[in-house]
Amino acid sequence: MKCIKTEKGGFQMKRVILICALITFFGLSFVHAKSMRLVIQGSTTVLPIAQKCAEVFMQKHPQADISVRGGGSGTGIAGLIDGICDIANSSRSMKKKEIIKAKEKGVNPEPHVIAMDGIAVIVHPSNPINGLTLAQLKDIYTGKISNWSELGGRNQKIVVISRDVASGTFECFHKLVLKKQRVRPDALLQASNASVASTIKRTKGAIGYVGLGYLSSEVKALKIEGVAPSEETVLKGTYPISRPLFMYTNGKPKGLAKDFIDFVLSKEGQRIVKEQGFVPLK
């Protein structure tokens, strides 16, 4: 009987060890799987860069699971502060109030400049106007100029297209062009660069602004202060509506977040930046 009891006890002990080993294995597998997931959210300007870089990165690292969403710079930054995303895409620097809120929640926002961009002012291709001054652009968006004939164009009402307040592109345009004055109340607010470009291409009297990556033959980019928006003019600093593009992390990036940002900043990542129509850092 003692022998049977010992064998039974030994069997039970082996069973316990096996169960513990399985729990440990699956537990480690879960932690590893979790560490290979990355959520990126924010600026629709940075969106095409993040999406293409994520696509190529996952091809190189099949175990990585990267989700990329838009929503605007403000949405991405709020997501980082609330722990909803791992990386916040932003086409502007964080605001002081956002940094304060982040600190209150124990979040330490770390900026990473991943590209440069110019905010291109666009109109319908049929518009005869080829350029504007910053003062004229400001007057259009604040309501002082409402007809293209006031600028030497056709007798046609100007349809003003702007980004919404969650947009980093709006924040930069608001600061650099409007000098923080209010946009005219009849402006049509759009949630993304793509929607601005889409509205412009089907609205003959419209004017709007987008990141360089959203320029195409379906819209016409205007010269501002005599300078056309391009990679060259942004790098030289001659185009007057330029800005850096950011990816924010909570503190120094680690694990998959670090690997991804390192990839974006690599030679291959910066080639993708250029292919998407933006200005690489190197």
Protein backbone atom coordinates (compact mmCIF):
# COMPACT_ATOMS: atom_id res chain seq x y z
CA MET A 1 0.00 0.00 0.00
CA LYS A 2 2.84 2.36 0.82
CA CYS A 3 4.35 1.73 -2.59
CA ILE A 4 1.06 2.54 -4.36
CA LYS A 5 0.71 5.66 -2.25
CA THR A 6 4.20 6.79 -3.20
CA GLU A 7 3.58 6.19 -6.89
CA LYS A 8 0.32 8.06 -6.68
CA GLY A 9 1.97 10.90 -4.81
CA GLY A 10 4.76 10.98 -7.40
CA PHE A 11 2.22 11.04 -10.20
CA GLN A 12 0.37 13.92 -8.54
CA MET A 13 3.61 15.83 -8.05
CA LYS A 14 4.50 15.37 -11.72
CA ARG A 15 1.02 16.54 -12.64
CA VAL A 16 1.41 19.68 -10.53
CA ILE A 17 4.81 20.38 -12.09
CA LEU A 18 3.38 19.89 -15.58
CA ILE A 19 0.46 22.24 -14.87
CA CYS A 20 2.82 24.87 -13.44
CA ALA A 21 5.05 24.54 -16.49
CA LEU A 22 2.07 25.00 -18.82
CA ILE A 23 0.85 28.03 -16.88
CA THR A 24 4.32 29.54 -17.03
CA PHE A 25 4.62 28.81 -20.76
CA PHE A 26 1.26 30.29 -21.66
CA GLY A 27 1.82 33.18 -19.28
CA LEU A 28 5.12 34.02 -20.93
CA SER A 29 3.55 33.54 -24.35
CA PHE A 30 0.80 35.99 -23.42
CA VAL A 31 3.30 38.57 -22.15
CA HIS A 32 5.38 38.12 -25.29
CA ALA A 33 2.31 38.42 -27.54
CA LYS A 34 1.22 41.52 -25.66
CA SER A 35 4.67 43.08 -26.06
CA MET A 36 4.46 42.57 -29.85
CA ARG A 37 1.29 44.66 -30.17
CA LEU A 38 1.54 48.37 -30.88
CA VAL A 39 -1.23 50.96 -31.20
CA ILE A 40 -0.46 54.19 -33.06
CA GLN A 41 -3.01 57.00 -33.23
CA GLY A 42 -3.32 60.67 -34.17
CA SER A 43 -2.44 63.08 -36.96
CA THR A 44 -3.91 62.39 -40.40
CA THR A 45 -0.86 64.16 -41.85
CA VAL A 46 1.49 61.60 -40.28
CA LEU A 47 -0.99 58.78 -40.99
CA PRO A 48 0.32 57.73 -44.45
CA ILE A 49 3.90 57.62 -43.12
CA ALA A 50 2.88 55.52 -40.11
CA GLN A 51 0.69 53.19 -42.17
CA LYS A 52 3.33 52.44 -44.82
CA CYS A 53 6.12 52.09 -42.24
CA ALA A 54 3.93 49.72 -40.21
CA GLU A 55 3.16 47.66 -43.31
CA VAL A 56 6.85 47.25 -44.22
CA PHE A 57 7.89 46.71 -40.58
CA MET A 58 5.35 43.89 -40.15
CA GLN A 59 6.58 42.24 -43.35
CA LYS A 60 10.04 42.18 -41.81
CA HIS A 61 8.75 41.14 -38.38
CA PRO A 62 5.69 38.87 -38.86
CA GLN A 63 5.23 38.49 -35.09
CA ALA A 64 4.53 42.24 -34.74
CA ASP A 65 0.91 43.45 -34.71
CA ILE A 66 0.72 47.20 -35.36
CA SER A 67 -2.58 49.09 -35.48
CA VAL A 68 -2.54 52.59 -37.00
CA ARG A 69 -5.46 55.02 -36.62
CA GLY A 70 -6.05 58.68 -37.53
CA GLY A 71 -8.35 61.10 -35.70
CA GLY A 72 -6.11 64.16 -35.52
CA SER A 73 -3.11 65.21 -33.44
CA GLY A 74 -5.22 66.17 -30.43
CA THR A 75 -6.89 62.76 -30.44
CA GLY A 76 -3.55 60.96 -30.60
CA ILE A 77 -2.06 62.99 -27.76
CA ALA A 78 -5.17 62.42 -25.63
CA GLY A 79 -4.89 58.70 -26.38
CA LEU A 80 -1.27 58.64 -25.20
CA ILE A 81 -2.19 60.47 -21.99
CA ASP A 82 -5.09 58.10 -21.32
CA GLY A 83 -3.05 54.99 -22.15
CA ILE A 84 -5.15 54.13 -25.21
CA CYS A 85 -2.22 54.18 -27.62
CA ASP A 86 1.53 53.50 -27.44
CA ILE A 87 2.59 56.14 -29.97
CA ALA A 88 0.81 59.43 -30.69
CA ASN A 89 1.29 60.88 -34.17
CA SER A 90 1.24 64.67 -34.17
CA SER A 91 1.82 67.38 -36.75
CA ARG A 92 2.40 69.94 -33.97
CA SER A 93 4.21 70.21 -30.66
CA MET A 94 2.22 69.29 -27.57
CA LYS A 95 0.45 72.19 -25.88
CA LYS A 96 1.45 73.27 -22.39
CA LYS A 97 -1.94 72.21 -20.99
CA GLU A 98 -1.54 68.75 -22.57
CA ILE A 99 1.89 68.33 -20.98
CA ILE A 100 0.50 69.37 -17.58
CA LYS A 101 -2.38 66.89 -17.92
CA ALA A 102 0.05 64.15 -18.93
CA LYS A 103 2.29 64.80 -15.91
CA GLU A 104 -0.76 64.68 -13.62
CA LYS A 105 -1.51 61.19 -14.96
CA GLY A 106 2.08 60.02 -14.60
CA VAL A 107 2.78 60.19 -18.33
CA ASN A 108 6.08 61.67 -19.54
CA PRO A 109 5.61 62.64 -23.23
CA GLU A 110 8.78 62.15 -25.27
CA PRO A 111 8.83 63.82 -28.73
CA HIS A 112 10.50 62.22 -31.75
CA VAL A 113 10.75 64.32 -34.92
CA ILE A 114 10.31 61.85 -37.77
CA ALA A 115 9.96 64.16 -40.82
CA MET A 116 9.40 67.71 -42.01
CA ASP A 117 6.35 68.98 -43.86
CA GLY A 118 5.03 72.04 -45.60
CA ILE A 119 1.36 73.02 -45.37
CA ALA A 120 0.32 73.48 -48.99
CA VAL A 121 -2.51 75.88 -49.82
CA ILE A 122 -4.64 74.33 -52.54
CA VAL A 123 -7.42 75.37 -54.93
CA HIS A 124 -9.33 73.75 -57.80
CA PRO A 125 -7.10 73.29 -60.89
CA SER A 126 -9.35 75.62 -62.92
CA ASN A 127 -8.63 78.57 -60.60
CA PRO A 128 -6.45 81.15 -62.44
CA ILE A 129 -4.85 82.39 -59.21
CA ASN A 130 -1.30 81.04 -58.85
CA GLY A 131 -0.12 82.56 -55.61
CA LEU A 132 -1.01 84.53 -52.50
CA THR A 133 0.76 86.48 -49.80
CA LEU A 134 0.46 85.46 -46.16
CA ALA A 135 -1.58 88.63 -45.56
CA GLN A 136 -4.04 87.74 -48.35
CA LEU A 137 -4.35 84.18 -47.06
CA LYS A 138 -5.06 85.48 -43.57
CA ASP A 139 -7.69 87.88 -44.90
CA ILE A 140 -9.43 85.03 -46.75
CA TYR A 141 -9.58 82.82 -43.67
CA THR A 142 -10.65 85.57 -41.27
CA GLY A 143 -13.40 86.82 -43.60
CA LYS A 144 -11.99 90.09 -44.92
CA ILE A 145 -11.79 88.74 -48.48
CA SER A 146 -14.76 86.70 -49.74
CA ASN A 147 -14.54 86.84 -53.55
CA TRP A 148 -11.76 85.74 -55.90
CA SER A 149 -12.21 88.96 -57.91
CA GLU A 150 -10.68 90.86 -54.95
CA LEU A 151 -7.46 88.99 -55.69
CA GLY A 152 -7.49 89.39 -59.46
CA GLY A 153 -9.46 86.21 -60.12
CA ARG A 154 -12.98 85.48 -61.33
CA ASN A 155 -16.09 87.00 -59.83
CA GLN A 156 -16.68 83.93 -57.71
CA LYS A 157 -17.36 83.38 -54.02
CA ILE A 158 -14.48 81.88 -52.08
CA VAL A 159 -15.48 78.63 -50.36
CA VAL A 160 -13.18 78.35 -47.35
CA ILE A 161 -12.19 74.84 -46.29
CA SER A 162 -10.38 74.38 -42.98
CA ARG A 163 -9.36 71.56 -40.66
CA ASP A 164 -11.16 71.04 -37.35
CA VAL A 165 -9.68 72.05 -33.99
CA ALA A 166 -8.39 68.52 -33.19
CA SER A 167 -6.00 68.84 -36.12
CA GLY A 168 -2.32 69.63 -35.71
CA THR A 169 -2.38 71.01 -39.25
CA PHE A 170 -5.04 73.49 -38.11
CA GLU A 171 -2.94 74.43 -35.07
CA CYS A 172 0.08 75.23 -37.24
CA PHE A 173 -1.98 77.10 -39.84
CA HIS A 174 -3.75 78.98 -37.04
CA LYS A 175 -0.41 80.05 -35.58
CA LEU A 176 1.67 80.68 -38.72
CA VAL A 177 -0.98 82.19 -40.99
CA LEU A 178 -3.89 83.45 -38.90
CA LYS A 179 -1.69 84.67 -36.03
CA LYS A 180 -4.21 82.96 -33.73
CA GLN A 181 -7.22 84.91 -35.04
CA ARG A 182 -10.50 83.05 -35.49
CA VAL A 183 -11.40 81.31 -38.72
CA ARG A 184 -14.43 82.84 -40.44
CA PRO A 185 -17.69 81.28 -39.17
CA ASP A 186 -18.82 80.02 -42.60
CA ALA A 187 -15.66 77.93 -43.13
CA LEU A 188 -16.34 74.25 -43.84
CA LEU A 189 -14.42 72.17 -41.30
CA GLN A 190 -12.97 68.83 -42.37
CA ALA A 191 -11.66 65.98 -40.22
CA SER A 192 -8.70 64.97 -42.39
CA ASN A 193 -6.25 66.07 -45.08
CA ALA A 194 -7.86 63.60 -47.48
CA SER A 195 -11.31 65.12 -47.00
CA VAL A 196 -9.93 68.64 -47.59
CA ALA A 197 -8.27 67.55 -50.86
CA SER A 198 -11.42 65.68 -51.92
CA THR A 199 -13.61 68.74 -51.29
CA ILE A 200 -11.24 71.05 -53.16
CA LYS A 201 -11.06 68.87 -56.28
CA ARG A 202 -14.84 68.95 -56.71
CA THR A 203 -15.45 72.60 -55.65
CA LYS A 204 -14.27 75.21 -58.15
CA GLY A 205 -14.33 78.22 -55.81
CA ALA A 206 -12.76 76.48 -52.82
CA ILE A 207 -9.48 77.01 -51.00
CA GLY A 208 -7.96 74.71 -48.39
CA TYR A 209 -4.67 73.49 -46.93
CA VAL A 210 -3.06 70.04 -46.64
CA GLY A 211 0.27 68.37 -45.89
CA LEU A 212 2.66 67.92 -48.83
CA GLY A 213 1.87 64.22 -48.98
CA TYR A 214 -1.69 64.99 -50.11
CA LEU A 215 -0.79 66.99 -53.22
CA SER A 216 -1.86 65.54 -56.56
CA SER A 217 -2.77 66.57 -60.11
CA GLU A 218 -6.39 66.86 -58.96
CA VAL A 219 -5.65 70.00 -56.94
CA LYS A 220 -3.50 73.08 -57.53
CA ALA A 221 -0.92 74.18 -54.96
CA LEU A 222 -0.45 77.94 -54.70
CA LYS A 223 2.82 79.77 -54.19
CA ILE A 224 2.92 81.59 -50.86
CA GLU A 225 5.04 84.74 -50.81
CA GLY A 226 6.28 83.65 -54.24
CA VAL A 227 7.53 80.25 -53.03
CA ALA A 228 6.00 76.92 -54.07
CA PRO A 229 5.62 74.17 -51.44
CA SER A 230 8.17 71.40 -52.05
CA GLU A 231 10.76 69.22 -50.34
CA GLU A 232 13.50 71.60 -51.45
CA THR A 233 11.82 74.80 -50.21
CA VAL A 234 10.88 73.20 -46.88
CA LEU A 235 14.46 71.98 -46.29
CA LYS A 236 15.86 75.39 -47.24
CA GLY A 237 13.37 77.11 -44.95
CA THR A 238 12.14 79.37 -47.73
CA TYR A 239 8.56 78.08 -47.78
CA PRO A 240 6.81 80.08 -45.05
CA ILE A 241 4.33 77.44 -43.80
CA SER A 242 6.54 74.56 -42.67
CA ARG A 243 6.60 72.36 -39.58
CA PRO A 244 8.16 69.23 -38.07
CA LEU A 245 6.14 66.01 -37.73
CA PHE A 246 6.24 64.06 -34.46
CA MET A 247 5.71 60.68 -32.89
CA TYR A 248 5.25 60.91 -29.11
CA THR A 249 5.87 58.11 -26.60
CA ASN A 250 5.45 57.84 -22.85
CA GLY A 251 9.06 58.31 -21.78
CA LYS A 252 11.95 56.81 -23.70
CA PRO A 253 10.53 54.21 -26.11
CA LYS A 254 11.13 50.57 -25.28
CA GLY A 255 10.56 47.23 -26.94
CA LEU A 256 8.42 47.28 -30.06
CA ALA A 257 7.78 51.05 -29.84
CA LYS A 258 11.53 51.71 -29.90
CA ASP A 259 12.10 49.25 -32.74
CA PHE A 260 9.35 50.88 -34.80
CA ILE A 261 10.53 54.47 -34.26
CA ASP A 262 14.11 53.40 -35.00
CA PHE A 263 12.80 51.93 -38.27
CA VAL A 264 10.96 55.15 -39.18
CA LEU A 265 14.19 57.09 -38.58
CA SER A 266 16.32 54.59 -40.48
CA LYS A 267 17.43 55.04 -44.08
CA GLU A 268 14.61 52.78 -45.26
CA GLY A 269 12.03 54.55 -43.10
CA GLN A 270 13.09 57.98 -44.33
CA ARG A 271 12.84 56.69 -47.90
CA ILE A 272 9.22 55.81 -47.12
CA VAL A 273 8.74 59.35 -45.75
CA LYS A 274 9.89 60.74 -49.09
CA GLU A 275 7.79 58.26 -51.10
CA GLN A 276 4.72 59.43 -49.18
CA GLY A 277 5.38 63.02 -50.30
CA PHE A 278 6.95 64.39 -47.13
CA VAL A 279 10.44 65.72 -46.35
CA PRO A 280 12.91 63.21 -44.87
CA LEU A 281 15.33 64.22 -42.14
CA LYS A 282 18.28 62.62 -43.95
